[in-house]
PDB file of N, CA and C in Angstrom:
ATOM      1  N   UNK A   1     -31.500 -20.126  23.885  1.00  0.00           N
ATOM      2  CA  UNK A   1     -32.647 -18.920  23.869  1.00  0.00           C
ATOM      3  C   UNK A   1     -33.915 -19.345  23.203  1.00  0.00           C
ATOM      4  N   UNK A   2     -34.681 -18.967  24.002  1.00  0.00           N
ATOM      5  CA  UNK A   2     -36.382 -19.228  23.923  1.00  0.00           C
ATOM      6  C   UNK A   2     -36.577 -18.248  22.439  1.00  0.00           C
ATOM      7  N   UNK A   3     -37.380 -18.742  21.543  1.00  0.00           N
ATOM      8  CA  UNK A   3     -37.907 -18.297  20.152  1.00  0.00           C
ATOM      9  C   UNK A   3     -39.091 -17.595  20.651  1.00  0.00           C
ATOM     10  N   UNK A   4     -39.236 -16.204  20.130  1.00  0.00           N
ATOM     11  CA  UNK A   4     -40.361 -15.591  20.270  1.00  0.00           C
ATOM     12  C   UNK A   4     -41.226 -16.218  19.100  1.00  0.00           C
ATOM     13  N   UNK A   5     -42.557 -16.230  19.238  1.00  0.00           N
ATOM     14  CA  UNK A   5     -43.259 -16.473  18.288  1.00  0.00           C
ATOM     15  C   UNK A   5     -43.312 -15.908  17.101  1.00  0.00           C
ATOM     16  N   UNK A   6     -43.466 -14.725  17.507  1.00  0.00           N
ATOM     17  CA  UNK A   6     -43.723 -13.812  16.153  1.00  0.00           C
ATOM     18  C   UNK A   6     -42.594 -13.657  15.424  1.00  0.00           C
ATOM     19  N   UNK A   7     -41.408 -14.438  15.854  1.00  0.00           N
ATOM     20  CA  UNK A   7     -40.249 -14.456  14.649  1.00  0.00           C
ATOM     21  C   UNK A   7     -40.431 -15.628  14.010  1.00  0.00           C
ATOM     22  N   UNK A   8     -40.524 -16.627  14.682  1.00  0.00           N
ATOM     23  CA  UNK A   8     -40.580 -18.003  14.020  1.00  0.00           C
ATOM     24  C   UNK A   8     -41.872 -18.689  14.711  1.00  0.00           C
ATOM     25  N   UNK A   9     -42.895 -18.708  14.299  1.00  0.00           N
ATOM     26  CA  UNK A   9     -44.129 -19.488  14.709  1.00  0.00           C
ATOM     27  C   UNK A   9     -43.934 -20.809  14.407  1.00  0.00           C
ATOM     28  N   UNK A  10     -43.160 -21.322  13.624  1.00  0.00           N
ATOM     29  CA  UNK A  10     -42.967 -22.867  13.358  1.00  0.00           C
ATOM     30  C   UNK A  10     -42.013 -23.553  13.939  1.00  0.00           C
ATOM     31  N   UNK A  11     -41.235 -22.882  14.859  1.00  0.00           N
ATOM     32  CA  UNK A  11     -39.940 -23.383  15.571  1.00  0.00           C
ATOM     33  C   UNK A  11     -40.390 -24.430  16.383  1.00  0.00           C
ATOM     34  N   UNK A  12     -39.956 -25.523  16.375  1.00  0.00           N
ATOM     35  CA  UNK A  12     -40.420 -26.588  17.601  1.00  0.00           C
ATOM     36  C   UNK A  12     -39.238 -27.535  18.028  1.00  0.00           C
ATOM     37  N   UNK A  13     -38.229 -27.048  18.530  1.00  0.00           N
ATOM     38  CA  UNK A  13     -37.312 -27.888  19.023  1.00  0.00           C
ATOM     39  C   UNK A  13     -36.946 -27.566  20.656  1.00  0.00           C
ATOM     40  N   UNK A  14     -38.078 -27.816  21.269  1.00  0.00           N
ATOM     41  CA  UNK A  14     -37.986 -27.882  22.669  1.00  0.00           C
ATOM     42  C   UNK A  14     -38.053 -26.123  23.085  1.00  0.00           C
ATOM     43  N   UNK A  15     -38.468 -25.198  21.616  1.00  0.00           N
ATOM     44  CA  UNK A  15     -38.528 -23.782  21.862  1.00  0.00           C
ATOM     45  C   UNK A  15     -37.553 -23.308  22.324  1.00  0.00           C
ATOM     46  N   UNK A  16     -36.230 -23.949  22.069  1.00  0.00           N
ATOM     47  CA  UNK A  16     -35.012 -23.243  22.457  1.00  0.00           C
ATOM     48  C   UNK A  16     -33.843 -23.470  21.224  1.00  0.00           C
ATOM     49  N   UNK A  17     -33.140 -22.694  21.094  1.00  0.00           N
ATOM     50  CA  UNK A  17     -31.912 -22.570  19.963  1.00  0.00           C
ATOM     51  C   UNK A  17     -30.640 -22.423  20.466  1.00  0.00           C
ATOM     52  N   UNK A  18     -29.792 -23.484  19.987  1.00  0.00           N
ATOM     53  CA  UNK A  18     -28.309 -23.096  20.782  1.00  0.00           C
ATOM     54  C   UNK A  18     -27.553 -21.999  19.525  1.00  0.00           C
ATOM     55  N   UNK A  19     -27.491 -20.888  20.205  1.00  0.00           N
ATOM     56  CA  UNK A  19     -26.891 -20.200  19.007  1.00  0.00           C
ATOM     57  C   UNK A  19     -25.428 -19.926  19.254  1.00  0.00           C
ATOM     58  N   UNK A  20     -24.775 -20.978  19.752  1.00  0.00           N
ATOM     59  CA  UNK A  20     -23.058 -20.916  19.808  1.00  0.00           C
ATOM     60  C   UNK A  20     -22.974 -21.869  18.508  1.00  0.00           C
ATOM     61  N   UNK A  21     -23.785 -22.550  17.909  1.00  0.00           N
ATOM     62  CA  UNK A  21     -23.605 -23.137  16.860  1.00  0.00           C
ATOM     63  C   UNK A  21     -23.684 -22.247  15.564  1.00  0.00           C
ATOM     64  N   UNK A  22     -22.642 -21.939  14.640  1.00  0.00           N
ATOM     65  CA  UNK A  22     -22.852 -20.891  13.442  1.00  0.00           C
ATOM     66  C   UNK A  22     -23.891 -20.815  12.741  1.00  0.00           C
ATOM     67  N   UNK A  23     -24.334 -22.224  11.978  1.00  0.00           N
ATOM     68  CA  UNK A  23     -25.683 -22.277  11.376  1.00  0.00           C
ATOM     69  C   UNK A  23     -26.832 -21.760  12.213  1.00  0.00           C
ATOM     70  N   UNK A  24     -26.983 -22.226  13.239  1.00  0.00           N
ATOM     71  CA  UNK A  24     -28.077 -21.621  14.023  1.00  0.00           C
ATOM     72  C   UNK A  24     -28.136 -20.281  14.154  1.00  0.00           C
ATOM     73  N   UNK A  25     -27.024 -19.570  14.596  1.00  0.00           N
ATOM     74  CA  UNK A  25     -26.747 -18.106  14.774  1.00  0.00           C
ATOM     75  C   UNK A  25     -26.887 -17.420  13.595  1.00  0.00           C
ATOM     76  N   UNK A  26     -26.600 -17.947  12.339  1.00  0.00           N
ATOM     77  CA  UNK A  26     -26.976 -17.392  10.995  1.00  0.00           C
ATOM     78  C   UNK A  26     -28.433 -17.275  10.722  1.00  0.00           C
ATOM     79  N   UNK A  27     -29.221 -18.307  10.824  1.00  0.00           N
ATOM     80  CA  UNK A  27     -30.370 -18.522  10.625  1.00  0.00           C
ATOM     81  C   UNK A  27     -31.292 -17.905  11.771  1.00  0.00           C
ATOM     82  N   UNK A  28     -30.897 -17.373  12.830  1.00  0.00           N
ATOM     83  CA  UNK A  28     -31.416 -16.474  13.823  1.00  0.00           C
ATOM     84  C   UNK A  28     -31.206 -15.182  13.237  1.00  0.00           C
ATOM     85  N   UNK A  29     -29.951 -14.754  13.042  1.00  0.00           N
ATOM     86  CA  UNK A  29     -30.039 -13.468  12.539  1.00  0.00           C
ATOM     87  C   UNK A  29     -30.905 -13.088  11.137  1.00  0.00           C
ATOM     88  N   UNK A  30     -31.008 -14.039  10.505  1.00  0.00           N
ATOM     89  CA  UNK A  30     -31.726 -13.970   9.259  1.00  0.00           C
ATOM     90  C   UNK A  30     -33.347 -13.734   9.499  1.00  0.00           C
ATOM     91  N   UNK A  31     -33.650 -14.690  10.686  1.00  0.00           N
ATOM     92  CA  UNK A  31     -35.250 -14.713  10.919  1.00  0.00           C
ATOM     93  C   UNK A  31     -35.445 -13.098  11.556  1.00  0.00           C
ATOM     94  N   UNK A  32     -34.373 -12.616  12.407  1.00  0.00           N
ATOM     95  CA  UNK A  32     -34.615 -11.467  13.125  1.00  0.00           C
ATOM     96  C   UNK A  32     -34.587 -10.350  12.137  1.00  0.00           C
ATOM     97  N   UNK A  33     -33.877 -10.372  11.310  1.00  0.00           N
ATOM     98  CA  UNK A  33     -33.663  -9.373  10.050  1.00  0.00           C
ATOM     99  C   UNK A  33     -35.116  -8.920   9.223  1.00  0.00           C
ATOM    100  N   UNK A  34     -35.613 -10.392   9.354  1.00  0.00           N
ATOM    101  CA  UNK A  34     -36.887 -10.359   8.317  1.00  0.00           C
ATOM    102  C   UNK A  34     -38.032 -10.085   9.267  1.00  0.00           C
ATOM    103  N   UNK A  35     -38.091 -10.746  10.517  1.00  0.00           N
ATOM    104  CA  UNK A  35     -39.588 -10.680  11.333  1.00  0.00           C
ATOM    105  C   UNK A  35     -39.060  -9.906  12.764  1.00  0.00           C
ATOM    106  N   UNK A  36     -38.154  -9.608  13.244  1.00  0.00           N
ATOM    107  CA  UNK A  36     -38.120  -9.240  14.344  1.00  0.00           C
ATOM    108  C   UNK A  36     -38.543  -7.610  14.684  1.00  0.00           C
ATOM    109  N   UNK A  37     -38.958  -7.487  15.758  1.00  0.00           N
ATOM    110  CA  UNK A  37     -38.872  -5.987  16.639  1.00  0.00           C
ATOM    111  C   UNK A  37     -37.804  -5.411  16.857  1.00  0.00           C
ATOM    112  N   UNK A  38     -38.059  -4.234  16.981  1.00  0.00           N
ATOM    113  CA  UNK A  38     -36.760  -3.298  17.357  1.00  0.00           C
ATOM    114  C   UNK A  38     -35.869  -3.937  18.476  1.00  0.00           C
ATOM    115  N   UNK A  39     -36.667  -4.391  19.543  1.00  0.00           N
ATOM    116  CA  UNK A  39     -35.936  -4.913  20.892  1.00  0.00           C
ATOM    117  C   UNK A  39     -35.024  -6.095  20.309  1.00  0.00           C
ATOM    118  N   UNK A  40     -35.502  -6.778  19.282  1.00  0.00           N
ATOM    119  CA  UNK A  40     -34.859  -7.995  18.808  1.00  0.00           C
ATOM    120  C   UNK A  40     -33.525  -7.743  17.993  1.00  0.00           C
ATOM    121  N   UNK A  41     -33.692  -6.849  17.168  1.00  0.00           N
ATOM    122  CA  UNK A  41     -32.785  -5.924  16.363  1.00  0.00           C
ATOM    123  C   UNK A  41     -31.571  -5.797  17.391  1.00  0.00           C
ATOM    124  N   UNK A  42     -32.141  -4.969  17.974  1.00  0.00           N
ATOM    125  CA  UNK A  42     -31.072  -4.210  19.223  1.00  0.00           C
ATOM    126  C   UNK A  42     -30.375  -5.427  19.855  1.00  0.00           C
ATOM    127  N   UNK A  43     -30.704  -6.698  19.972  1.00  0.00           N
ATOM    128  CA  UNK A  43     -29.952  -7.557  20.724  1.00  0.00           C
ATOM    129  C   UNK A  43     -28.743  -8.136  19.902  1.00  0.00           C
ATOM    130  N   UNK A  44     -29.266  -7.857  18.754  1.00  0.00           N
ATOM    131  CA  UNK A  44     -28.060  -8.722  17.533  1.00  0.00           C
ATOM    132  C   UNK A  44     -26.700  -7.663  17.679  1.00  0.00           C
ATOM    133  N   UNK A  45     -25.463  -8.442  17.244  1.00  0.00           N
ATOM    134  CA  UNK A  45     -24.038  -7.790  17.464  1.00  0.00           C
ATOM    135  C   UNK A  45     -24.342  -7.302  15.642  1.00  0.00           C
ATOM    136  N   UNK A  46     -24.310  -6.055  15.508  1.00  0.00           N
ATOM    137  CA  UNK A  46     -24.363  -5.426  14.355  1.00  0.00           C
ATOM    138  C   UNK A  46     -23.055  -5.678  13.558  1.00  0.00           C
ATOM    139  N   UNK A  47     -22.091  -5.731  14.276  1.00  0.00           N
ATOM    140  CA  UNK A  47     -20.700  -6.137  13.632  1.00  0.00           C
ATOM    141  C   UNK A  47     -20.805  -7.339  12.977  1.00  0.00           C
ATOM    142  N   UNK A  48     -21.407  -8.392  13.531  1.00  0.00           N
ATOM    143  CA  UNK A  48     -21.642  -9.576  13.145  1.00  0.00           C
ATOM    144  C   UNK A  48     -22.612  -9.691  11.749  1.00  0.00           C
ATOM    145  N   UNK A  49     -23.637  -9.255  12.145  1.00  0.00           N
ATOM    146  CA  UNK A  49     -24.529  -8.901  10.817  1.00  0.00           C
ATOM    147  C   UNK A  49     -24.001  -8.298   9.545  1.00  0.00           C
ATOM    148  N   UNK A  50     -22.877  -7.428   9.902  1.00  0.00           N
ATOM    149  CA  UNK A  50     -22.579  -6.836   8.822  1.00  0.00           C
ATOM    150  C   UNK A  50     -21.497  -7.721   7.792  1.00  0.00           C
ATOM    151  N   UNK A  51     -20.889  -8.489   8.971  1.00  0.00           N
ATOM    152  CA  UNK A  51     -19.885  -9.445   8.292  1.00  0.00           C
ATOM    153  C   UNK A  51     -20.810 -10.583   7.387  1.00  0.00           C
ATOM    154  N   UNK A  52     -21.474 -11.104   7.958  1.00  0.00           N
ATOM    155  CA  UNK A  52     -22.261 -12.058   7.272  1.00  0.00           C
ATOM    156  C   UNK A  52     -23.405 -11.903   6.426  1.00  0.00           C
ATOM    157  N   UNK A  53     -23.802 -10.268   6.063  1.00  0.00           N
ATOM    158  CA  UNK A  53     -24.668 -10.026   5.377  1.00  0.00           C
ATOM    159  C   UNK A  53     -24.814 -10.614   3.966  1.00  0.00           C
ATOM    160  N   UNK A  54     -23.581 -10.576   3.309  1.00  0.00           N
ATOM    161  CA  UNK A  54     -23.713 -10.726   2.054  1.00  0.00           C
ATOM    162  C   UNK A  54     -23.978 -12.293   1.837  1.00  0.00           C
ATOM    163  N   UNK A  55     -23.518 -13.264   2.588  1.00  0.00           N
ATOM    164  CA  UNK A  55     -23.667 -14.566   2.639  1.00  0.00           C
ATOM    165  C   UNK A  55     -25.374 -14.986   2.854  1.00  0.00           C
ATOM    166  N   UNK A  56     -26.149 -14.126   3.472  1.00  0.00           N
ATOM    167  CA  UNK A  56     -27.301 -14.446   3.896  1.00  0.00           C
ATOM    168  C   UNK A  56     -28.345 -14.210   2.714  1.00  0.00           C
ATOM    169  N   UNK A  57     -29.309 -15.214   2.485  1.00  0.00           N
ATOM    170  CA  UNK A  57     -30.317 -14.961   1.608  1.00  0.00           C
ATOM    171  C   UNK A  57     -31.698 -14.175   2.037  1.00  0.00           C
ATOM    172  N   UNK A  58     -31.917 -13.220   1.749  1.00  0.00           N
ATOM    173  CA  UNK A  58     -32.753 -12.212   2.513  1.00  0.00           C
ATOM    174  C   UNK A  58     -33.659 -11.662   1.189  1.00  0.00           C
ATOM    175  N   UNK A  59     -34.735 -11.419   1.518  1.00  0.00           N
ATOM    176  CA  UNK A  59     -35.911 -10.515   0.352  1.00  0.00           C
ATOM    177  C   UNK A  59     -34.819  -9.278   0.046  1.00  0.00           C
ATOM    178  N   UNK A  60     -34.698  -9.161  -1.296  1.00  0.00           N
ATOM    179  CA  UNK A  60     -34.129  -8.092  -1.806  1.00  0.00           C
ATOM    180  C   UNK A  60     -34.161  -6.472  -1.133  1.00  0.00           C
ATOM    181  N   UNK A  61     -35.412  -6.380  -0.618  1.00  0.00           N
ATOM    182  CA  UNK A  61     -35.491  -5.037  -0.145  1.00  0.00           C
ATOM    183  C   UNK A  61     -35.088  -5.156   1.534  1.00  0.00           C
ATOM    184  N   UNK A  62     -35.157  -6.217   1.992  1.00  0.00           N
ATOM    185  CA  UNK A  62     -34.360  -6.229   3.435  1.00  0.00           C
ATOM    186  C   UNK A  62     -33.034  -6.093   3.312  1.00  0.00           C
ATOM    187  N   UNK A  63     -32.508  -6.785   2.446  1.00  0.00           N
ATOM    188  CA  UNK A  63     -30.778  -6.965   2.052  1.00  0.00           C
ATOM    189  C   UNK A  63     -30.567  -5.371   1.950  1.00  0.00           C
ATOM    190  N   UNK A  64     -31.150  -4.610   1.020  1.00  0.00           N
ATOM    191  CA  UNK A  64     -30.682  -3.564   0.449  1.00  0.00           C
ATOM    192  C   UNK A  64     -30.585  -2.474   1.756  1.00  0.00           C
ATOM    193  N   UNK A  65     -31.976  -2.699   2.438  1.00  0.00           N
ATOM    194  CA  UNK A  65     -31.878  -1.806   3.665  1.00  0.00           C
ATOM    195  C   UNK A  65     -30.868  -1.895   4.746  1.00  0.00           C
ATOM    196  N   UNK A  66     -30.332  -2.979   4.871  1.00  0.00           N
ATOM    197  CA  UNK A  66     -29.031  -3.467   5.769  1.00  0.00           C
ATOM    198  C   UNK A  66     -28.059  -3.300   4.944  1.00  0.00           C
ATOM    199  N   UNK A  67     -27.928  -3.352   3.456  1.00  0.00           N
ATOM    200  CA  UNK A  67     -26.534  -2.936   2.936  1.00  0.00           C
ATOM    201  C   UNK A  67     -26.157  -1.446   3.011  1.00  0.00           C
ATOM    202  N   UNK A  68     -27.390  -0.567   2.819  1.00  0.00           N
ATOM    203  CA  UNK A  68     -27.443   0.715   2.750  1.00  0.00           C
ATOM    204  C   UNK A  68     -26.879   1.316   4.036  1.00  0.00           C
ATOM    205  N   UNK A  69     -27.487   0.975   4.986  1.00  0.00           N
ATOM    206  CA  UNK A  69     -27.355   1.166   6.530  1.00  0.00           C
ATOM    207  C   UNK A  69     -25.857   0.784   6.911  1.00  0.00           C
ATOM    208  N   UNK A  70     -25.416  -0.210   6.620  1.00  0.00           N
ATOM    209  CA  UNK A  70     -23.817  -0.526   6.938  1.00  0.00           C
ATOM    210  C   UNK A  70     -23.052   0.334   5.752  1.00  0.00           C
ATOM    211  N   UNK A  71     -23.279   0.746   4.814  1.00  0.00           N
ATOM    212  CA  UNK A  71     -22.529   1.535   4.137  1.00  0.00           C
ATOM    213  C   UNK A  71     -22.421   2.823   4.811  1.00  0.00           C
ATOM    214  N   UNK A  72     -23.895   3.532   5.199  1.00  0.00           N
ATOM    215  CA  UNK A  72     -23.984   4.782   5.906  1.00  0.00           C
ATOM    216  C   UNK A  72     -22.816   4.727   6.767  1.00  0.00           C
ATOM    217  N   UNK A  73     -23.200   3.768   7.395  1.00  0.00           N
ATOM    218  CA  UNK A  73     -22.439   3.498   9.201  1.00  0.00           C
ATOM    219  C   UNK A  73     -20.669   3.746   8.963  1.00  0.00           C
ATOM    220  N   UNK A  74     -20.828   3.022   7.830  1.00  0.00           N
ATOM    221  CA  UNK A  74     -18.785   3.028   7.703  1.00  0.00           C
ATOM    222  C   UNK A  74     -18.755   4.338   7.354  1.00  0.00           C
ATOM    223  N   UNK A  75     -19.341   5.148   6.382  1.00  0.00           N
ATOM    224  CA  UNK A  75     -18.829   6.575   5.863  1.00  0.00           C
ATOM    225  C   UNK A  75     -19.131   7.723   6.889  1.00  0.00           C
ATOM    226  N   UNK A  76     -19.782   7.403   7.599  1.00  0.00           N
ATOM    227  CA  UNK A  76     -20.478   8.407   8.802  1.00  0.00           C
ATOM    228  C   UNK A  76     -19.223   9.154   9.344  1.00  0.00           C
ATOM    229  N   UNK A  77     -19.481  10.233   9.485  1.00  0.00           N
ATOM    230  CA  UNK A  77     -18.180  11.182  10.028  1.00  0.00           C
ATOM    231  C   UNK A  77     -18.530  11.061  11.700  1.00  0.00           C
ATOM    232  N   UNK A  78     -17.576  10.595  12.404  1.00  0.00           N
ATOM    233  CA  UNK A  78     -17.659  10.841  13.966  1.00  0.00           C
ATOM    234  C   UNK A  78     -17.729  12.194  14.402  1.00  0.00           C
ATOM    235  N   UNK A  79     -18.538  12.017  15.318  1.00  0.00           N
ATOM    236  CA  UNK A  79     -18.832  13.679  15.982  1.00  0.00           C
ATOM    237  C   UNK A  79     -17.681  14.055  16.521  1.00  0.00           C
ATOM    238  N   UNK A  80     -17.322  15.611  16.586  1.00  0.00           N
ATOM    239  CA  UNK A  80     -16.413  16.053  16.857  1.00  0.00           C
ATOM    240  C   UNK A  80     -16.020  16.113  18.446  1.00  0.00           C
ATOM    241  N   UNK A  81     -14.939  15.683  19.131  1.00  0.00           N
ATOM    242  CA  UNK A  81     -14.680  15.713  20.594  1.00  0.00           C
ATOM    243  C   UNK A  81     -15.258  17.079  21.146  1.00  0.00           C
ATOM    244  N   UNK A  82     -15.748  16.908  22.222  1.00  0.00           N
ATOM    245  CA  UNK A  82     -15.950  18.024  23.095  1.00  0.00           C
ATOM    246  C   UNK A  82     -14.547  18.973  23.732  1.00  0.00           C
ATOM    247  N   UNK A  83     -14.675  20.190  23.727  1.00  0.00           N
ATOM    248  CA  UNK A  83     -13.326  20.594  23.931  1.00  0.00           C
ATOM    249  C   UNK A  83     -13.751  20.993  25.660  1.00  0.00           C
ATOM    250  N   UNK A  84     -12.921  20.649  26.491  1.00  0.00           N
ATOM    251  CA  UNK A  84     -12.777  20.308  27.663  1.00  0.00           C
ATOM    252  C   UNK A  84     -13.149  21.897  28.467  1.00  0.00           C
TER     253      UNK A  84
END
Protein backbone atom coordinates (compact mmCIF):
# COMPACT_ATOMS: atom_id res chain seq x y z
CA UNK A 1 0.00 0.00 0.00
CA UNK A 2 1.15 3.52 -0.73
CA UNK A 3 1.64 5.63 2.40
CA UNK A 4 0.07 9.12 2.31
CA UNK A 5 2.64 11.73 3.33
CA UNK A 6 0.17 13.51 5.63
CA UNK A 7 0.04 10.37 7.79
CA UNK A 8 3.75 9.47 7.87
CA UNK A 9 5.99 12.05 6.25
CA UNK A 10 9.21 10.24 7.16
CA UNK A 11 8.33 6.83 5.75
CA UNK A 12 10.76 5.88 3.02
CA UNK A 13 10.75 2.22 2.10
CA UNK A 14 9.84 2.53 -1.58
CA UNK A 15 6.73 4.36 -0.32
CA UNK A 16 4.94 1.11 0.34
CA UNK A 17 4.09 -1.02 3.34
CA UNK A 18 3.31 -4.72 3.54
CA UNK A 19 0.18 -4.84 5.72
CA UNK A 20 0.13 -8.63 5.71
CA UNK A 21 2.80 -8.49 8.44
CA UNK A 22 1.16 -8.00 11.85
CA UNK A 23 3.82 -5.59 13.12
CA UNK A 24 3.41 -3.39 10.06
CA UNK A 25 -0.38 -3.54 10.35
CA UNK A 26 -0.36 -2.46 14.02
CA UNK A 27 2.09 0.34 13.22
CA UNK A 28 -0.16 1.51 10.37
CA UNK A 29 -3.30 1.46 12.53
CA UNK A 30 -1.52 3.54 15.16
CA UNK A 31 -0.42 6.07 12.54
CA UNK A 32 -3.94 6.32 11.10
CA UNK A 33 -5.51 6.78 14.54
CA UNK A 34 -3.09 9.59 15.32
CA UNK A 35 -2.73 11.33 11.94
CA UNK A 36 -5.31 9.97 9.53
CA UNK A 37 -8.23 11.67 7.88
CA UNK A 38 -11.78 10.40 8.02
CA UNK A 39 -11.36 8.38 4.83
CA UNK A 40 -8.28 6.71 6.32
CA UNK A 41 -10.12 5.80 9.51
CA UNK A 42 -13.02 4.44 7.45
CA UNK A 43 -10.59 2.12 5.69
CA UNK A 44 -9.66 0.42 8.97
CA UNK A 45 -11.28 -2.72 10.29
CA UNK A 46 -12.75 -1.31 13.51
CA UNK A 47 -13.10 -4.76 15.06
CA UNK A 48 -9.35 -5.20 14.60
CA UNK A 49 -8.70 -1.74 16.04
CA UNK A 50 -10.81 -2.57 19.08
CA UNK A 51 -8.98 -5.86 19.58
CA UNK A 52 -5.46 -4.35 19.48
CA UNK A 53 -6.23 -0.98 21.09
CA UNK A 54 -5.12 -2.05 24.60
CA UNK A 55 -1.69 -2.96 23.21
CA UNK A 56 -1.16 0.25 21.22
CA UNK A 57 0.91 3.04 22.72
CA UNK A 58 -1.09 6.14 21.86
CA UNK A 59 -1.32 9.62 23.37
CA UNK A 60 -3.81 9.48 26.26
CA UNK A 61 -6.48 11.69 24.64
CA UNK A 62 -6.50 9.58 21.47
CA UNK A 63 -6.57 6.28 23.36
CA UNK A 64 -9.40 7.56 25.57
CA UNK A 65 -11.40 8.76 22.57
CA UNK A 66 -11.19 5.33 20.93
CA UNK A 67 -11.75 3.43 24.19
CA UNK A 68 -14.87 5.53 24.84
CA UNK A 69 -16.06 4.99 21.27
CA UNK A 70 -15.75 1.21 21.50
CA UNK A 71 -17.39 1.12 24.95
CA UNK A 72 -20.32 3.09 23.54
CA UNK A 73 -20.47 0.86 20.47
CA UNK A 74 -20.62 -2.28 22.64
CA UNK A 75 -23.43 -0.94 24.80
CA UNK A 76 -25.47 0.83 22.14
CA UNK A 77 -28.94 -0.57 21.74
CA UNK A 78 -29.59 -1.90 18.27
CA UNK A 79 -32.35 -0.26 16.32
CA UNK A 80 -35.66 -2.12 16.48
CA UNK A 81 -36.62 -4.04 13.37
CA UNK A 82 -39.19 -2.42 11.12
CA UNK A 83 -42.63 -3.99 11.08
CA UNK A 84 -43.49 -5.35 7.63
